[in-house]
Amino acid sequence: MRYLLLALLFGMVAFVGVTYAALEWDGVAIVETLREDGAPRQTHVWYIEDGHMLHIEAGTPDNPWFVEFQKQPQVTITVDGQSRAYIGEAQPNPEGHERIRAALREKYGVRDWWIGVLFDTSNSIEVLFTPT
C-alpha cells in the first residue's frame, strides 16, 4: 500500500511538472489588464510575434483577462522582460480561431498538443495587439 501511494504521489507530481513546463517553459508573454477594482491582473499567455504586433489566444471568451481587455483594450504586455503598451482587437471567428490555433500548434508543437489534451480551446479567440 505504501508503494502504491508513493507511485501515485510521484505520478501526480510528474503530471503537474509536465503541465507547468508545457505552459511556462519559454515563449511566454505577460498580459496586464485591470480588474474591476482597478488592481492589475497579470496573465501568462502564449503569443505569436508578427513584426511589432502580437497575436494572443484567449482560450475561452470568459477568461478573466479577455473580459477585462474587452472593457479596456489598452493593455501592457511583457515579452522577454520588455514591457510595452498595446491596444488589442479581437479577430472574428472562425477565421481568427483557426489562424491562432494553427500558429500556436506550429510554434509550440508537442506543448500545444499536451495543453490541448487538458483544456478545450474549441471556442478560443485570437486577439491582435498593436503597440501604441
Protein backbone atom coordinates (compact mmCIF):
# COMPACT_ATOMS: atom_id res chain seq x y z
CA MET A 1 0.00 0.00 0.00
CA ARG A 2 2.85 2.36 0.85
CA TYR A 3 4.48 1.85 -2.57
CA LEU A 4 1.17 2.40 -4.30
CA LEU A 5 0.72 5.72 -2.51
CA LEU A 6 4.28 6.75 -3.37
CA ALA A 7 3.75 5.82 -7.00
CA LEU A 8 0.51 7.80 -7.05
CA LEU A 9 2.21 10.81 -5.46
CA PHE A 10 5.09 10.58 -7.93
CA GLY A 11 2.63 10.36 -10.83
CA MET A 12 0.75 13.45 -9.63
CA VAL A 13 3.97 15.43 -9.18
CA ALA A 14 5.16 14.38 -12.64
CA PHE A 15 1.81 15.35 -14.19
CA VAL A 16 1.88 18.79 -12.57
CA GLY A 17 5.54 19.26 -13.52
CA VAL A 18 5.00 18.32 -17.17
CA THR A 19 1.95 20.59 -17.39
CA TYR A 20 3.76 23.52 -15.78
CA ALA A 21 6.74 23.04 -18.09
CA ALA A 22 4.45 22.87 -21.13
CA LEU A 23 2.79 26.14 -20.16
CA GLU A 24 5.75 28.11 -18.86
CA TRP A 25 8.97 26.70 -20.38
CA ASP A 26 9.59 29.56 -22.81
CA GLY A 27 7.74 31.69 -25.33
CA VAL A 28 5.50 33.18 -22.66
CA ALA A 29 4.30 36.78 -22.52
CA ILE A 30 2.58 38.52 -19.62
CA VAL A 31 -0.60 40.46 -20.37
CA GLU A 32 -1.52 43.01 -17.73
CA THR A 33 -5.16 44.06 -17.57
CA LEU A 34 -7.12 45.91 -14.90
CA ARG A 35 -9.66 44.23 -12.66
CA GLU A 36 -12.95 45.96 -11.90
CA ASP A 37 -11.48 47.33 -8.66
CA GLY A 38 -8.54 48.83 -10.61
CA ALA A 39 -5.98 46.28 -9.39
CA PRO A 40 -3.69 44.85 -12.07
CA ARG A 41 -4.05 41.25 -13.24
CA GLN A 42 -1.02 39.59 -14.83
CA THR A 43 -1.76 36.60 -17.03
CA HIS A 44 0.87 34.38 -18.65
CA VAL A 45 -0.02 33.65 -22.28
CA TRP A 46 1.49 32.13 -25.37
CA TYR A 47 1.96 34.51 -28.26
CA ILE A 48 2.94 34.81 -31.89
CA GLU A 49 5.10 37.76 -32.86
CA ASP A 50 4.48 39.32 -36.27
CA GLY A 51 6.78 42.32 -36.64
CA HIS A 52 5.75 44.62 -33.81
CA MET A 53 2.31 43.05 -33.49
CA LEU A 54 1.41 40.19 -31.16
CA HIS A 55 -1.24 37.52 -31.71
CA ILE A 56 -2.55 36.08 -28.45
CA GLU A 57 -5.21 33.46 -27.82
CA ALA A 58 -8.00 33.86 -25.30
CA GLY A 59 -8.66 30.19 -24.58
CA THR A 60 -12.33 30.91 -23.86
CA PRO A 61 -14.46 34.07 -24.11
CA ASP A 62 -14.85 34.09 -20.32
CA ASN A 63 -11.12 34.15 -19.49
CA PRO A 64 -10.80 36.97 -16.92
CA TRP A 65 -8.05 38.78 -18.81
CA PHE A 66 -10.12 38.69 -22.01
CA VAL A 67 -13.24 40.01 -20.26
CA GLU A 68 -11.17 42.87 -18.78
CA PHE A 69 -9.49 43.53 -22.14
CA GLN A 70 -12.91 43.93 -23.77
CA LYS A 71 -13.74 46.70 -21.30
CA GLN A 72 -10.32 48.36 -21.70
CA PRO A 73 -8.46 47.25 -24.85
CA GLN A 74 -5.25 49.09 -23.95
CA VAL A 75 -3.00 46.71 -22.00
CA THR A 76 0.63 46.27 -21.07
CA ILE A 77 2.39 43.20 -22.46
CA THR A 78 5.80 41.99 -21.35
CA VAL A 79 7.87 39.86 -23.75
CA ASP A 80 11.43 38.82 -22.89
CA GLY A 81 11.49 41.26 -19.98
CA GLN A 82 10.47 44.24 -22.11
CA SER A 83 7.10 45.88 -21.34
CA ARG A 84 5.12 47.91 -23.88
CA ALA A 85 1.67 49.38 -24.14
CA TYR A 86 -0.56 47.74 -26.75
CA ILE A 87 -4.08 48.13 -27.97
CA GLY A 88 -5.89 44.97 -28.92
CA GLU A 89 -8.68 43.91 -31.20
CA ALA A 90 -10.44 40.55 -31.10
CA GLN A 91 -10.41 38.88 -34.50
CA PRO A 92 -13.60 37.45 -35.98
CA ASN A 93 -14.24 33.73 -35.68
CA PRO A 94 -13.94 31.18 -37.14
CA GLU A 95 -11.00 32.67 -39.11
CA GLY A 96 -9.30 34.14 -36.03
CA HIS A 97 -9.68 30.93 -34.05
CA GLU A 98 -8.31 28.79 -36.87
CA ARG A 99 -5.39 31.16 -37.53
CA ILE A 100 -4.24 31.38 -33.88
CA ARG A 101 -4.68 27.64 -33.28
CA ALA A 102 -2.56 26.80 -36.34
CA ALA A 103 0.14 29.32 -35.40
CA LEU A 104 0.34 28.12 -31.78
CA ARG A 105 0.42 24.49 -32.91
CA GLU A 106 3.35 25.29 -35.20
CA LYS A 107 5.30 27.35 -32.64
CA TYR A 108 4.72 25.25 -29.51
CA GLY A 109 4.44 21.76 -31.05
CA VAL A 110 4.04 18.95 -28.53
CA ARG A 111 3.48 21.50 -25.76
CA ASP A 112 0.39 22.74 -27.61
CA TRP A 113 -0.77 19.15 -28.07
CA TRP A 114 -0.40 18.43 -24.31
CA ILE A 115 -2.37 21.54 -23.33
CA GLY A 116 -5.00 20.62 -25.93
CA VAL A 117 -5.46 17.28 -24.19
CA LEU A 118 -6.13 19.06 -20.90
CA PHE A 119 -8.08 22.15 -21.99
CA ASP A 120 -10.84 22.77 -24.51
CA THR A 121 -9.76 25.54 -26.89
CA SER A 122 -12.53 24.99 -29.41
CA ASN A 123 -14.04 28.41 -28.59
CA SER A 124 -10.78 30.32 -28.41
CA ILE A 125 -10.46 33.82 -29.79
CA GLU A 126 -7.48 35.45 -31.48
CA VAL A 127 -6.59 38.93 -30.24
CA LEU A 128 -4.26 41.09 -32.34
CA PHE A 129 -2.24 43.58 -30.30
CA THR A 130 -0.58 46.61 -31.87
CA PRO A 131 1.91 48.78 -29.95
CA THR A 132 0.65 52.24 -29.03
